[in-house]
């Protein structure tokens, strides 16, 4: 297998290398780089990337990538895997979703070499990472003060991406439209498939979601033929498919009492929360407008009128076992992970 070249670095077959791609220099002359680890297998195969922290405060992907890089399955990798734990270094350092100019990197793709900082970083990522790969897995969490049930988001335009989403084995697969400026849309226009894994909260780790993410990525690599062994990767989870989802919003401002957690099944008309004013003179209940699965919710008990409260996905079938129970069963006492190393 030939040498893999990226950003002036040459990685021989069967080796790993850390590649730092210069991004910019801060106002105090501190250099910033897009840091990746390239694993170039001894045998030919597809090229794929795994990326985290496109939104700088969505740190769960950073830990997923770190643990992925330590898994023994990658020692016999076919093809090439590019792991980028932190795409938005600026946001990561400052614990914020955005870049210094308040732009959302995931609305700036495919970017421009002479545009804003977000546009330049997006263009760099597309040129150096996406262009070299056939498939990508982009790791996200909910925005600040929200939580997401582990889920895979895809569009309906590719049979391969649907097969890879099934292989990942998250509790739910959500079909969502491609958004202008997103990495998924830019990749699709280049003929590439990208899975988005959503799980947990911004600025927080969720152990079960992290373990599910690592195993899900390894399952996808196995599906692609990049790793031969599926030892320790079997799953009892049968993902449910959702083609439509909807946010239930606050009918008034006040103090929220939520009755449903992420992963709960709800029926149309169920009371899922109540909102009262702080003096207790007025209260309104929040009802589900249709049946489905709660895949995300706010974690703030203080809400304003119109705030998004519960993200409910219509599902193709009712799961036989509660999604949270299945996640716990799958990740507890998992031999794939060294408990001492995790702690």
Foldseek 3Di string as FASTA:
>chain_A
DQWDDFQRDTHGALDKDKDWAWQQADPVRRTDTQIKMKHHHNAAFFEEEEEEPLFQQFQQQLLLLVLLVVFPLSSHFHGMYIYGNHLQPQCVVVNGRAHPVRDHLQQQPCADCPDDSSRNSNVCCCVGPLVRGQEYEYEGEDEAQKWFQWEKEFAPPDPLLVVLRQQLQRQAYEHDDDDHSGPQVNSVVVNHHYIYIYGTHGNDYDQLSSQSRSLSVVSSSVVRVGGPDCVLNDAPHGHWYFHDKDFFWAQAWAFKDAQDDQQDWFAFFDFGIKGAHPVRPDIDTTTHNHTAGFGMAGNGRGDGGGHGGTMGTHTPDDDPDRSVVRSCVSRPPRPSDDPVVVD
